[in-house]
Amino acid sequence: MILSQAVIAQIVDDLQRQVVAFYDWLHEHNLIFAVVPSPRPQRRHAAIEALGVERVLRLVESFEQPVRAKLKDLGCPIIDLPDTVDGDGLLREEYWGLDASHGNVAYGNLVLEQLDRLRLRITA
């Protein structure tokens, strides 16, 4: 089954509506927050085998872009970890978790390091 970009955009909007509303609420209440996106897809993920790297990354981008735009508008820091991604845009194997969707302890430690750096900048 092939879906049009309009259908995909509507699905993304429907799925992300509550997430965006939550970030709006945090901002309206003057709470300090940062966002740690999900790790990039792993090469071993079934979607990569079924759809290919390019399609999966396009879907990920379609899913993340509206939320990233909202976070940018709100001035919210996004904790990206570009050094964990290989040349194809996938999570490097040394950061794979126990399943095909999550990072491992090393990945988590990198997230914590970035959050600590952000904390130091905010409290300085």
PDB file of N, CA and C in Angstrom:
ATOM      1  N   MET A   1       0.842  -1.172   0.000  1.00  0.00           N
ATOM      2  CA  MET A   1       0.000   0.000   0.000  1.00  0.00           C
ATOM      3  C   MET A   1       0.894   1.244   0.000  1.00  0.00           C
ATOM      4  N   ILE A   2       0.582   2.193  -0.846  1.00  0.00           N
ATOM      5  CA  ILE A   2       1.330   3.432  -0.935  1.00  0.00           C
ATOM      6  C   ILE A   2       0.462   4.556  -0.376  1.00  0.00           C
ATOM      7  N   LEU A   3       1.052   5.355   0.497  1.00  0.00           N
ATOM      8  CA  LEU A   3       0.335   6.481   1.092  1.00  0.00           C
ATOM      9  C   LEU A   3       0.871   7.783   0.511  1.00  0.00           C
ATOM     10  N   SER A   4      -0.019   8.719   0.291  1.00  0.00           N
ATOM     11  CA  SER A   4       0.409  10.025  -0.207  1.00  0.00           C
ATOM     12  C   SER A   4       1.079  10.805   0.916  1.00  0.00           C
ATOM     13  N   GLN A   5       1.843  11.817   0.537  1.00  0.00           N
ATOM     14  CA  GLN A   5       2.487  12.688   1.525  1.00  0.00           C
ATOM     15  C   GLN A   5       1.447  13.366   2.406  1.00  0.00           C
ATOM     16  N   ALA A   6       0.296  13.707   1.826  1.00  0.00           N
ATOM     17  CA  ALA A   6      -0.767  14.350   2.609  1.00  0.00           C
ATOM     18  C   ALA A   6      -1.295  13.415   3.701  1.00  0.00           C
ATOM     19  N   VAL A   7      -1.461  12.142   3.363  1.00  0.00           N
ATOM     20  CA  VAL A   7      -1.928  11.168   4.355  1.00  0.00           C
ATOM     21  C   VAL A   7      -0.873  10.983   5.436  1.00  0.00           C
ATOM     22  N   ILE A   8       0.381  10.864   5.035  1.00  0.00           N
ATOM     23  CA  ILE A   8       1.459  10.714   6.017  1.00  0.00           C
ATOM     24  C   ILE A   8       1.514  11.940   6.920  1.00  0.00           C
ATOM     25  N   ALA A   9       1.401  13.132   6.353  1.00  0.00           N
ATOM     26  CA  ALA A   9       1.419  14.364   7.151  1.00  0.00           C
ATOM     27  C   ALA A   9       0.265  14.383   8.146  1.00  0.00           C
ATOM     28  N   GLN A  10      -0.898  13.935   7.743  1.00  0.00           N
ATOM     29  CA  GLN A  10      -2.044  13.902   8.663  1.00  0.00           C
ATOM     30  C   GLN A  10      -1.831  12.891   9.787  1.00  0.00           C
ATOM     31  N   ILE A  11      -1.290  11.733   9.441  1.00  0.00           N
ATOM     32  CA  ILE A  11      -0.995  10.718  10.464  1.00  0.00           C
ATOM     33  C   ILE A  11       0.000  11.269  11.479  1.00  0.00           C
ATOM     34  N   VAL A  12       1.054  11.910  10.987  1.00  0.00           N
ATOM     35  CA  VAL A  12       2.060  12.498  11.873  1.00  0.00           C
ATOM     36  C   VAL A  12       1.416  13.555  12.760  1.00  0.00           C
ATOM     37  N   ASP A  13       0.618  14.428  12.160  1.00  0.00           N
ATOM     38  CA  ASP A  13      -0.052  15.469  12.934  1.00  0.00           C
ATOM     39  C   ASP A  13      -0.921  14.853  14.027  1.00  0.00           C
ATOM     40  N   ASP A  14      -1.687  13.839  13.677  1.00  0.00           N
ATOM     41  CA  ASP A  14      -2.552  13.174  14.658  1.00  0.00           C
ATOM     42  C   ASP A  14      -1.741  12.548  15.788  1.00  0.00           C
ATOM     43  N   LEU A  15      -0.630  11.900  15.428  1.00  0.00           N
ATOM     44  CA  LEU A  15       0.197  11.235  16.441  1.00  0.00           C
ATOM     45  C   LEU A  15       0.959  12.222  17.321  1.00  0.00           C
ATOM     46  N   GLN A  16       1.339  13.357  16.767  1.00  0.00           N
ATOM     47  CA  GLN A  16       2.183  14.306  17.498  1.00  0.00           C
ATOM     48  C   GLN A  16       1.386  15.404  18.210  1.00  0.00           C
ATOM     49  N   ARG A  17       0.099  15.497  17.959  1.00  0.00           N
ATOM     50  CA  ARG A  17      -0.704  16.586  18.523  1.00  0.00           C
ATOM     51  C   ARG A  17      -0.580  16.684  20.041  1.00  0.00           C
ATOM     52  N   GLN A  18      -0.684  15.565  20.739  1.00  0.00           N
ATOM     53  CA  GLN A  18      -0.601  15.584  22.197  1.00  0.00           C
ATOM     54  C   GLN A  18       0.809  15.904  22.693  1.00  0.00           C
ATOM     55  N   VAL A  19       1.803  15.464  21.956  1.00  0.00           N
ATOM     56  CA  VAL A  19       3.188  15.770  22.311  1.00  0.00           C
ATOM     57  C   VAL A  19       3.420  17.273  22.224  1.00  0.00           C
ATOM     58  N   VAL A  20       2.983  17.874  21.137  1.00  0.00           N
ATOM     59  CA  VAL A  20       3.136  19.320  20.950  1.00  0.00           C
ATOM     60  C   VAL A  20       2.354  20.078  22.019  1.00  0.00           C
ATOM     61  N   ALA A  21       1.156  19.608  22.334  1.00  0.00           N
ATOM     62  CA  ALA A  21       0.346  20.249  23.377  1.00  0.00           C
ATOM     63  C   ALA A  21       1.063  20.197  24.724  1.00  0.00           C
ATOM     64  N   PHE A  22       1.737  19.090  25.002  1.00  0.00           N
ATOM     65  CA  PHE A  22       2.495  18.963  26.251  1.00  0.00           C
ATOM     66  C   PHE A  22       3.632  19.984  26.305  1.00  0.00           C
ATOM     67  N   TYR A  23       4.372  20.121  25.203  1.00  0.00           N
ATOM     68  CA  TYR A  23       5.459  21.098  25.176  1.00  0.00           C
ATOM     69  C   TYR A  23       4.918  22.516  25.305  1.00  0.00           C
ATOM     70  N   ASP A  24       3.792  22.796  24.677  1.00  0.00           N
ATOM     71  CA  ASP A  24       3.155  24.112  24.832  1.00  0.00           C
ATOM     72  C   ASP A  24       2.810  24.374  26.293  1.00  0.00           C
ATOM     73  N   TRP A  25       2.269  23.357  26.958  1.00  0.00           N
ATOM     74  CA  TRP A  25       1.889  23.498  28.363  1.00  0.00           C
ATOM     75  C   TRP A  25       3.120  23.808  29.227  1.00  0.00           C
ATOM     76  N   LEU A  26       4.200  23.065  29.011  1.00  0.00           N
ATOM     77  CA  LEU A  26       5.431  23.321  29.769  1.00  0.00           C
ATOM     78  C   LEU A  26       5.892  24.758  29.564  1.00  0.00           C
ATOM     79  N   HIS A  27       5.876  25.191  28.320  1.00  0.00           N
ATOM     80  CA  HIS A  27       6.315  26.552  27.991  1.00  0.00           C
ATOM     81  C   HIS A  27       5.394  27.600  28.619  1.00  0.00           C
ATOM     82  N   GLU A  28       4.090  27.391  28.528  1.00  0.00           N
ATOM     83  CA  GLU A  28       3.122  28.340  29.105  1.00  0.00           C
ATOM     84  C   GLU A  28       3.278  28.472  30.615  1.00  0.00           C
ATOM     85  N   HIS A  29       3.762  27.428  31.262  1.00  0.00           N
ATOM     86  CA  HIS A  29       3.953  27.441  32.709  1.00  0.00           C
ATOM     87  C   HIS A  29       5.398  27.801  33.092  1.00  0.00           C
ATOM     88  N   ASN A  30       6.148  28.305  32.110  1.00  0.00           N
ATOM     89  CA  ASN A  30       7.517  28.783  32.341  1.00  0.00           C
ATOM     90  C   ASN A  30       8.432  27.730  32.964  1.00  0.00           C
ATOM     91  N   LEU A  31       8.238  26.489  32.582  1.00  0.00           N
ATOM     92  CA  LEU A  31       9.093  25.422  33.076  1.00  0.00           C
ATOM     93  C   LEU A  31      10.283  25.244  32.137  1.00  0.00           C
ATOM     94  N   ILE A  32      11.430  24.977  32.705  1.00  0.00           N
ATOM     95  CA  ILE A  32      12.635  24.740  31.914  1.00  0.00           C
ATOM     96  C   ILE A  32      12.645  23.269  31.522  1.00  0.00           C
ATOM     97  N   PHE A  33      12.812  23.019  30.235  1.00  0.00           N
ATOM     98  CA  PHE A  33      12.858  21.633  29.780  1.00  0.00           C
ATOM     99  C   PHE A  33      13.745  21.520  28.555  1.00  0.00           C
ATOM    100  N   ALA A  34      14.235  20.314  28.354  1.00  0.00           N
ATOM    101  CA  ALA A  34      15.017  19.968  27.169  1.00  0.00           C
ATOM    102  C   ALA A  34      14.463  18.650  26.650  1.00  0.00           C
ATOM    103  N   VAL A  35      14.737  18.358  25.401  1.00  0.00           N
ATOM    104  CA  VAL A  35      14.205  17.145  24.789  1.00  0.00           C
ATOM    105  C   VAL A  35      15.355  16.286  24.273  1.00  0.00           C
ATOM    106  N   VAL A  36      15.266  15.001  24.583  1.00  0.00           N
ATOM    107  CA  VAL A  36      16.209  14.012  24.070  1.00  0.00           C
ATOM    108  C   VAL A  36      15.448  13.152  23.059  1.00  0.00           C
ATOM    109  N   PRO A  37      15.712  13.343  21.766  1.00  0.00           N
ATOM    110  CA  PRO A  37      15.009  12.528  20.764  1.00  0.00           C
ATOM    111  C   PRO A  37      15.379  11.049  20.878  1.00  0.00           C
ATOM    112  N   SER A  38      14.548  10.221  20.294  1.00  0.00           N
ATOM    113  CA  SER A  38      14.845   8.787  20.232  1.00  0.00           C
ATOM    114  C   SER A  38      16.148   8.576  19.471  1.00  0.00           C
ATOM    115  N   PRO A  39      16.857   7.490  19.791  1.00  0.00           N
ATOM    116  CA  PRO A  39      18.050   7.175  18.993  1.00  0.00           C
ATOM    117  C   PRO A  39      17.673   6.984  17.524  1.00  0.00           C
ATOM    118  N   ARG A  40      18.627   7.198  16.647  1.00  0.00           N
ATOM    119  CA  ARG A  40      18.392   6.970  15.223  1.00  0.00           C
ATOM    120  C   ARG A  40      18.070   5.489  15.000  1.00  0.00           C
ATOM    121  N   PRO A  41      17.420   5.161  13.893  1.00  0.00           N
ATOM    122  CA  PRO A  41      17.107   3.747  13.621  1.00  0.00           C
ATOM    123  C   PRO A  41      18.374   2.902  13.541  1.00  0.00           C
ATOM    124  N   GLN A  42      18.217   1.637  13.876  1.00  0.00           N
ATOM    125  CA  GLN A  42      19.321   0.690  13.800  1.00  0.00           C
ATOM    126  C   GLN A  42      19.224  -0.114  12.507  1.00  0.00           C
ATOM    127  N   ARG A  43      20.369  -0.445  11.972  1.00  0.00           N
ATOM    128  CA  ARG A  43      20.421  -1.206  10.723  1.00  0.00           C
ATOM    129  C   ARG A  43      19.676  -2.538  10.840  1.00  0.00           C
ATOM    130  N   ARG A  44      19.623  -3.119  12.016  1.00  0.00           N
ATOM    131  CA  ARG A  44      18.969  -4.419  12.205  1.00  0.00           C
ATOM    132  C   ARG A  44      17.446  -4.309  12.340  1.00  0.00           C
ATOM    133  N   HIS A  45      16.905  -3.108  12.366  1.00  0.00           N
ATOM    134  CA  HIS A  45      15.461  -2.921  12.517  1.00  0.00           C
ATOM    135  C   HIS A  45      14.725  -3.495  11.306  1.00  0.00           C
ATOM    136  N   ALA A  46      13.609  -4.167  11.540  1.00  0.00           N
ATOM    137  CA  ALA A  46      12.838  -4.799  10.467  1.00  0.00           C
ATOM    138  C   ALA A  46      12.394  -3.791   9.407  1.00  0.00           C
ATOM    139  N   ALA A  47      12.128  -2.550   9.813  1.00  0.00           N
ATOM    140  CA  ALA A  47      11.700  -1.535   8.843  1.00  0.00           C
ATOM    141  C   ALA A  47      12.795  -1.237   7.824  1.00  0.00           C
ATOM    142  N   ILE A  48      14.050  -1.298   8.239  1.00  0.00           N
ATOM    143  CA  ILE A  48      15.173  -1.060   7.320  1.00  0.00           C
ATOM    144  C   ILE A  48      15.192  -2.153   6.255  1.00  0.00           C
ATOM    145  N   GLU A  49      15.021  -3.381   6.706  1.00  0.00           N
ATOM    146  CA  GLU A  49      15.020  -4.492   5.753  1.00  0.00           C
ATOM    147  C   GLU A  49      13.826  -4.395   4.805  1.00  0.00           C
ATOM    148  N   ALA A  50      12.676  -4.017   5.318  1.00  0.00           N
ATOM    149  CA  ALA A  50      11.452  -3.978   4.513  1.00  0.00           C
ATOM    150  C   ALA A  50      11.399  -2.784   3.566  1.00  0.00           C
ATOM    151  N   LEU A  51      11.848  -1.615   4.036  1.00  0.00           N
ATOM    152  CA  LEU A  51      11.681  -0.377   3.270  1.00  0.00           C
ATOM    153  C   LEU A  51      12.975   0.215   2.730  1.00  0.00           C
ATOM    154  N   GLY A  52      14.098  -0.136   3.346  1.00  0.00           N
ATOM    155  CA  GLY A  52      15.377   0.451   2.975  1.00  0.00           C
ATOM    156  C   GLY A  52      15.694   1.667   3.841  1.00  0.00           C
ATOM    157  N   VAL A  53      16.973   1.986   3.904  1.00  0.00           N
ATOM    158  CA  VAL A  53      17.455   3.072   4.762  1.00  0.00           C
ATOM    159  C   VAL A  53      16.821   4.408   4.378  1.00  0.00           C
ATOM    160  N   GLU A  54      16.843   4.753   3.112  1.00  0.00           N
ATOM    161  CA  GLU A  54      16.344   6.070   2.688  1.00  0.00           C
ATOM    162  C   GLU A  54      14.895   6.286   3.070  1.00  0.00           C
ATOM    163  N   ARG A  55      14.046   5.310   2.798  1.00  0.00           N
ATOM    164  CA  ARG A  55      12.628   5.457   3.134  1.00  0.00           C
ATOM    165  C   ARG A  55      12.408   5.595   4.627  1.00  0.00           C
ATOM    166  N   VAL A  56      13.091   4.770   5.396  1.00  0.00           N
ATOM    167  CA  VAL A  56      12.928   4.827   6.848  1.00  0.00           C
ATOM    168  C   VAL A  56      13.379   6.191   7.373  1.00  0.00           C
ATOM    169  N   LEU A  57      14.516   6.677   6.896  1.00  0.00           N
ATOM    170  CA  LEU A  57      14.990   7.984   7.364  1.00  0.00           C
ATOM    171  C   LEU A  57      14.056   9.111   6.941  1.00  0.00           C
ATOM    172  N   ARG A  58      13.445   8.991   5.768  1.00  0.00           N
ATOM    173  CA  ARG A  58      12.447   9.993   5.349  1.00  0.00           C
ATOM    174  C   ARG A  58      11.233   9.963   6.277  1.00  0.00           C
ATOM    175  N   LEU A  59      10.801   8.774   6.669  1.00  0.00           N
ATOM    176  CA  LEU A  59       9.675   8.657   7.597  1.00  0.00           C
ATOM    177  C   LEU A  59      10.035   9.232   8.967  1.00  0.00           C
ATOM    178  N   VAL A  60      11.239   8.935   9.434  1.00  0.00           N
ATOM    179  CA  VAL A  60      11.695   9.484  10.712  1.00  0.00           C
ATOM    180  C   VAL A  60      11.698  11.008  10.645  1.00  0.00           C
ATOM    181  N   GLU A  61      12.240  11.555   9.565  1.00  0.00           N
ATOM    182  CA  GLU A  61      12.275  13.010   9.384  1.00  0.00           C
ATOM    183  C   GLU A  61      10.860  13.587   9.353  1.00  0.00           C
ATOM    184  N   SER A  62       9.960  12.929   8.630  1.00  0.00           N
ATOM    185  CA  SER A  62       8.567  13.395   8.569  1.00  0.00           C
ATOM    186  C   SER A  62       7.928  13.403   9.948  1.00  0.00           C
ATOM    187  N   PHE A  63       8.262  12.420  10.749  1.00  0.00           N
ATOM    188  CA  PHE A  63       7.695  12.298  12.087  1.00  0.00           C
ATOM    189  C   PHE A  63       8.293  13.321  13.050  1.00  0.00           C
ATOM    190  N   GLU A  64       9.603  13.561  12.948  1.00  0.00           N
ATOM    191  CA  GLU A  64      10.286  14.451  13.899  1.00  0.00           C
ATOM    192  C   GLU A  64      10.188  15.930  13.535  1.00  0.00           C
ATOM    193  N   GLN A  65      10.130  16.258  12.261  1.00  0.00           N
ATOM    194  CA  GLN A  65      10.246  17.647  11.818  1.00  0.00           C
ATOM    195  C   GLN A  65       9.232  18.592  12.465  1.00  0.00           C
ATOM    196  N   PRO A  66       7.948  18.259  12.516  1.00  0.00           N
ATOM    197  CA  PRO A  66       7.002  19.203  13.125  1.00  0.00           C
ATOM    198  C   PRO A  66       7.290  19.477  14.605  1.00  0.00           C
ATOM    199  N   VAL A  67       7.684  18.444  15.324  1.00  0.00           N
ATOM    200  CA  VAL A  67       7.987  18.626  16.749  1.00  0.00           C
ATOM    201  C   VAL A  67       9.268  19.427  16.913  1.00  0.00           C
ATOM    202  N   ARG A  68      10.281  19.134  16.105  1.00  0.00           N
ATOM    203  CA  ARG A  68      11.521  19.909  16.178  1.00  0.00           C
ATOM    204  C   ARG A  68      11.266  21.382  15.862  1.00  0.00           C
ATOM    205  N   ALA A  69      10.417  21.652  14.886  1.00  0.00           N
ATOM    206  CA  ALA A  69      10.090  23.042  14.548  1.00  0.00           C
ATOM    207  C   ALA A  69       9.415  23.723  15.731  1.00  0.00           C
ATOM    208  N   LYS A  70       8.497  23.039  16.376  1.00  0.00           N
ATOM    209  CA  LYS A  70       7.811  23.602  17.542  1.00  0.00           C
ATOM    210  C   LYS A  70       8.798  23.871  18.665  1.00  0.00           C
ATOM    211  N   LEU A  71       9.677  22.909  18.934  1.00  0.00           N
ATOM    212  CA  LEU A  71      10.670  23.081  19.996  1.00  0.00           C
ATOM    213  C   LEU A  71      11.585  24.264  19.700  1.00  0.00           C
ATOM    214  N   LYS A  72      11.966  24.418  18.443  1.00  0.00           N
ATOM    215  CA  LYS A  72      12.799  25.557  18.054  1.00  0.00           C
ATOM    216  C   LYS A  72      12.060  26.862  18.326  1.00  0.00           C
ATOM    217  N   ASP A  73      10.787  26.919  17.950  1.00  0.00           N
ATOM    218  CA  ASP A  73       9.979  28.115  18.212  1.00  0.00           C
ATOM    219  C   ASP A  73       9.889  28.424  19.696  1.00  0.00           C
ATOM    220  N   LEU A  74       9.861  27.388  20.531  1.00  0.00           N
ATOM    221  CA  LEU A  74       9.774  27.570  21.977  1.00  0.00           C
ATOM    222  C   LEU A  74      11.133  27.862  22.614  1.00  0.00           C
ATOM    223  N   GLY A  75      12.203  27.734  21.839  1.00  0.00           N
ATOM    224  CA  GLY A  75      13.545  27.940  22.380  1.00  0.00           C
ATOM    225  C   GLY A  75      14.009  26.783  23.246  1.00  0.00           C
ATOM    226  N   CYS A  76      13.472  25.606  23.008  1.00  0.00           N
ATOM    227  CA  CYS A  76      13.797  24.429  23.811  1.00  0.00           C
ATOM    228  C   CYS A  76      15.048  23.736  23.272  1.00  0.00           C
ATOM    229  N   PRO A  77      16.015  23.460  24.139  1.00  0.00           N
ATOM    230  CA  PRO A  77      17.192  22.707  23.689  1.00  0.00           C
ATOM    231  C   PRO A  77      16.817  21.279  23.302  1.00  0.00           C
ATOM    232  N   ILE A  78      17.399  20.818  22.207  1.00  0.00           N
ATOM    233  CA  ILE A  78      17.237  19.435  21.762  1.00  0.00           C
ATOM    234  C   ILE A  78      18.597  18.767  21.891  1.00  0.00           C
ATOM    235  N   ILE A  79      18.651  17.699  22.650  1.00  0.00           N
ATOM    236  CA  ILE A  79      19.909  17.003  22.920  1.00  0.00           C
ATOM    237  C   ILE A  79      20.136  15.952  21.837  1.00  0.00           C
ATOM    238  N   ASP A  80      20.770  16.347  20.744  1.00  0.00           N
ATOM    239  CA  ASP A  80      21.119  15.414  19.676  1.00  0.00           C
ATOM    240  C   ASP A  80      22.508  14.844  19.935  1.00  0.00           C
ATOM    241  N   LEU A  81      22.723  13.646  19.456  1.00  0.00           N
ATOM    242  CA  LEU A  81      24.020  12.975  19.620  1.00  0.00           C
ATOM    243  C   LEU A  81      24.552  12.569  18.251  1.00  0.00           C
ATOM    244  N   PRO A  82      25.059  13.535  17.467  1.00  0.00           N
ATOM    245  CA  PRO A  82      25.485  13.223  16.097  1.00  0.00           C
ATOM    246  C   PRO A  82      26.633  12.225  16.014  1.00  0.00           C
ATOM    247  N   ASP A  83      27.449  12.130  17.037  1.00  0.00           N
ATOM    248  CA  ASP A  83      28.582  11.200  16.999  1.00  0.00           C
ATOM    249  C   ASP A  83      28.154   9.746  17.135  1.00  0.00           C
ATOM    250  N   THR A  84      26.858   9.507  17.390  1.00  0.00           N
ATOM    251  CA  THR A  84      26.370   8.136  17.534  1.00  0.00           C
ATOM    252  C   THR A  84      25.803   7.589  16.227  1.00  0.00           C
ATOM    253  N   VAL A  85      25.899   8.384  15.159  1.00  0.00           N
ATOM    254  CA  VAL A  85      25.278   8.032  13.884  1.00  0.00           C
ATOM    255  C   VAL A  85      26.359   7.668  12.863  1.00  0.00           C
ATOM    256  N   ASP A  86      26.088   6.616  12.071  1.00  0.00           N
ATOM    257  CA  ASP A  86      27.047   6.213  11.046  1.00  0.00           C
ATOM    258  C   ASP A  86      26.857   7.041   9.767  1.00  0.00           C
ATOM    259  N   GLY A  87      27.616   6.739   8.753  1.00  0.00           N
ATOM    260  CA  GLY A  87      27.573   7.498   7.503  1.00  0.00           C
ATOM    261  C   GLY A  87      26.244   7.415   6.767  1.00  0.00           C
ATOM    262  N   ASP A  88      25.434   6.421   7.071  1.00  0.00           N
ATOM    263  CA  ASP A  88      24.119   6.285   6.441  1.00  0.00           C
ATOM    264  C   ASP A  88      23.011   6.971   7.232  1.00  0.00           C
ATOM    265  N   GLY A  89      23.357   7.506   8.417  1.00  0.00           N
ATOM    266  CA  GLY A  89      22.339   8.155   9.244  1.00  0.00           C
ATOM    267  C   GLY A  89      21.690   7.231  10.252  1.00  0.00           C
ATOM    268  N   LEU A  90      22.252   6.051  10.431  1.00  0.00           N
ATOM    269  CA  LEU A  90      21.720   5.069  11.373  1.00  0.00           C
ATOM    270  C   LEU A  90      22.562   5.041  12.644  1.00  0.00           C
ATOM    271  N   LEU A  91      21.961   4.540  13.715  1.00  0.00           N
ATOM    272  CA  LEU A  91      22.682   4.432  14.979  1.00  0.00           C
ATOM    273  C   LEU A  91      23.853   3.467  14.825  1.00  0.00           C
ATOM    274  N   ARG A  92      25.038   3.916  15.258  1.00  0.00           N
ATOM    275  CA  ARG A  92      26.209   3.052  15.189  1.00  0.00           C
ATOM    276  C   ARG A  92      26.018   1.834  16.092  1.00  0.00           C
ATOM    277  N   GLU A  93      26.526   0.703  15.641  1.00  0.00           N
ATOM    278  CA  GLU A  93      26.286  -0.569  16.320  1.00  0.00           C
ATOM    279  C   GLU A  93      26.733  -0.568  17.781  1.00  0.00           C
ATOM    280  N   GLU A  94      27.783   0.155  18.091  1.00  0.00           N
ATOM    281  CA  GLU A  94      28.257   0.145  19.486  1.00  0.00           C
ATOM    282  C   GLU A  94      27.271   0.817  20.449  1.00  0.00           C
ATOM    283  N   TYR A  95      26.222   1.445  19.917  1.00  0.00           N
ATOM    284  CA  TYR A  95      25.203   2.084  20.757  1.00  0.00           C
ATOM    285  C   TYR A  95      23.864   1.358  20.718  1.00  0.00           C
ATOM    286  N   TRP A  96      23.807   0.203  20.051  1.00  0.00           N
ATOM    287  CA  TRP A  96      22.566  -0.566  19.986  1.00  0.00           C
ATOM    288  C   TRP A  96      22.206  -1.109  21.368  1.00  0.00           C
ATOM    289  N   GLY A  97      20.921  -1.027  21.685  1.00  0.00           N
ATOM    290  CA  GLY A  97      20.417  -1.610  22.917  1.00  0.00           C
ATOM    291  C   GLY A  97      20.042  -3.070  22.710  1.00  0.00           C
ATOM    292  N   LEU A  98      19.293  -3.605  23.649  1.00  0.00           N
ATOM    293  CA  LEU A  98      18.909  -5.017  23.596  1.00  0.00           C
ATOM    294  C   LEU A  98      17.874  -5.302  22.519  1.00  0.00           C
ATOM    295  N   ASP A  99      17.130  -4.289  22.106  1.00  0.00           N
ATOM    296  CA  ASP A  99      16.182  -4.478  21.005  1.00  0.00           C
ATOM    297  C   ASP A  99      16.544  -3.513  19.881  1.00  0.00           C
ATOM    298  N   ALA A 100      15.779  -3.540  18.816  1.00  0.00           N
ATOM    299  CA  ALA A 100      16.128  -2.768  17.614  1.00  0.00           C
ATOM    300  C   ALA A 100      15.659  -1.320  17.668  1.00  0.00           C
ATOM    301  N   SER A 101      15.173  -0.867  18.820  1.00  0.00           N
ATOM    302  CA  SER A 101      14.659   0.501  18.914  1.00  0.00           C
ATOM    303  C   SER A 101      15.352   1.373  19.950  1.00  0.00           C
ATOM    304  N   HIS A 102      16.091   0.783  20.865  1.00  0.00           N
ATOM    305  CA  HIS A 102      16.648   1.543  21.977  1.00  0.00           C
ATOM    306  C   HIS A 102      18.178   1.553  21.960  1.00  0.00           C
ATOM    307  N   GLY A 103      18.734   2.565  22.589  1.00  0.00           N
ATOM    308  CA  GLY A 103      20.170   2.643  22.779  1.00  0.00           C
ATOM    309  C   GLY A 103      20.581   1.836  24.011  1.00  0.00           C
ATOM    310  N   ASN A 104      21.888   1.661  24.156  1.00  0.00           N
ATOM    311  CA  ASN A 104      22.418   0.904  25.292  1.00  0.00           C
ATOM    312  C   ASN A 104      22.925   1.855  26.387  1.00  0.00           C
ATOM    313  N   VAL A 105      23.626   1.304  27.359  1.00  0.00           N
ATOM    314  CA  VAL A 105      24.138   2.091  28.480  1.00  0.00           C
ATOM    315  C   VAL A 105      25.122   3.153  27.994  1.00  0.00           C
ATOM    316  N   ALA A 106      25.969   2.815  27.037  1.00  0.00           N
ATOM    317  CA  ALA A 106      26.927   3.801  26.506  1.00  0.00           C
ATOM    318  C   ALA A 106      26.176   4.982  25.886  1.00  0.00           C
ATOM    319  N   TYR A 107      25.110   4.688  25.164  1.00  0.00           N
ATOM    320  CA  TYR A 107      24.284   5.746  24.579  1.00  0.00           C
ATOM    321  C   TYR A 107      23.662   6.597  25.696  1.00  0.00           C
ATOM    322  N   GLY A 108      23.121   5.927  26.689  1.00  0.00           N
ATOM    323  CA  GLY A 108      22.527   6.639  27.824  1.00  0.00           C
ATOM    324  C   GLY A 108      23.530   7.525  28.540  1.00  0.00           C
ATOM    325  N   ASN A 109      24.758   7.054  28.681  1.00  0.00           N
ATOM    326  CA  ASN A 109      25.795   7.873  29.323  1.00  0.00           C
ATOM    327  C   ASN A 109      26.089   9.130  28.516  1.00  0.00           C
ATOM    328  N   LEU A 110      26.075   9.022  27.177  1.00  0.00           N
ATOM    329  CA  LEU A 110      26.273  10.211  26.338  1.00  0.00           C
ATOM    330  C   LEU A 110      25.132  11.208  26.529  1.00  0.00           C
ATOM    331  N   VAL A 111      23.916  10.704  26.636  1.00  0.00           N
ATOM    332  CA  VAL A 111      22.766  11.575  26.896  1.00  0.00           C
ATOM    333  C   VAL A 111      22.956  12.299  28.230  1.00  0.00           C
ATOM    334  N   LEU A 112      23.340  11.566  29.259  1.00  0.00           N
ATOM    335  CA  LEU A 112      23.533  12.173  30.574  1.00  0.00           C
ATOM    336  C   LEU A 112      24.638  13.225  30.555  1.00  0.00           C
ATOM    337  N   GLU A 113      25.715  12.960  29.821  1.00  0.00           N
ATOM    338  CA  GLU A 113      26.794  13.951  29.702  1.00  0.00           C
ATOM    339  C   GLU A 113      26.275  15.237  29.067  1.00  0.00           C
ATOM    340  N   GLN A 114      25.474  15.104  28.011  1.00  0.00           N
ATOM    341  CA  GLN A 114      24.932  16.289  27.343  1.00  0.00           C
ATOM    342  C   GLN A 114      23.959  17.044  28.246  1.00  0.00           C
ATOM    343  N   LEU A 115      23.141  16.317  28.985  1.00  0.00           N
ATOM    344  CA  LEU A 115      22.222  16.964  29.922  1.00  0.00           C
ATOM    345  C   LEU A 115      22.983  17.696  31.018  1.00  0.00           C
ATOM    346  N   ASP A 116      24.072  17.099  31.477  1.00  0.00           N
ATOM    347  CA  ASP A 116      24.883  17.758  32.497  1.00  0.00           C
ATOM    348  C   ASP A 116      25.512  19.040  31.951  1.00  0.00           C
ATOM    349  N   ARG A 117      26.009  19.002  30.706  1.00  0.00           N
ATOM    350  CA  ARG A 117      26.557  20.218  30.089  1.00  0.00           C
ATOM    351  C   ARG A 117      25.495  21.297  29.975  1.00  0.00           C
ATOM    352  N   LEU A 118      24.298  20.903  29.602  1.00  0.00           N
ATOM    353  CA  LEU A 118      23.203  21.858  29.490  1.00  0.00           C
ATOM    354  C   LEU A 118      22.868  22.441  30.862  1.00  0.00           C
ATOM    355  N   ARG A 119      22.835  21.597  31.881  1.00  0.00           N
ATOM    356  CA  ARG A 119      22.569  22.071  33.240  1.00  0.00           C
ATOM    357  C   ARG A 119      23.600  23.096  33.672  1.00  0.00           C
ATOM    358  N   LEU A 120      24.861  22.834  33.363  1.00  0.00           N
ATOM    359  CA  LEU A 120      25.916  23.772  33.731  1.00  0.00           C
ATOM    360  C   LEU A 120      25.758  25.107  33.027  1.00  0.00           C
ATOM    361  N   ARG A 121      25.326  25.094  31.760  1.00  0.00           N
ATOM    362  CA  ARG A 121      25.101  26.348  31.022  1.00  0.00           C
ATOM    363  C   ARG A 121      23.919  27.129  31.615  1.00  0.00           C
ATOM    364  N   ILE A 122      22.865  26.398  31.997  1.00  0.00           N
ATOM    365  CA  ILE A 122      21.668  27.064  32.528  1.00  0.00           C
ATOM    366  C   ILE A 122      21.941  27.657  33.892  1.00  0.00           C
ATOM    367  N   THR A 123      22.715  26.970  34.712  1.00  0.00           N
ATOM    368  CA  THR A 123      22.936  27.426  36.089  1.00  0.00           C
ATOM    369  C   THR A 123      24.126  28.364  36.199  1.00  0.00           C
ATOM    370  N   ALA A 124      24.861  28.578  35.107  1.00  0.00           N
ATOM    371  CA  ALA A 124      26.046  29.451  35.165  1.00  0.00           C
ATOM    372  C   ALA A 124      25.652  30.907  35.239  1.00  0.00           C
TER     373      ALA A 124
END
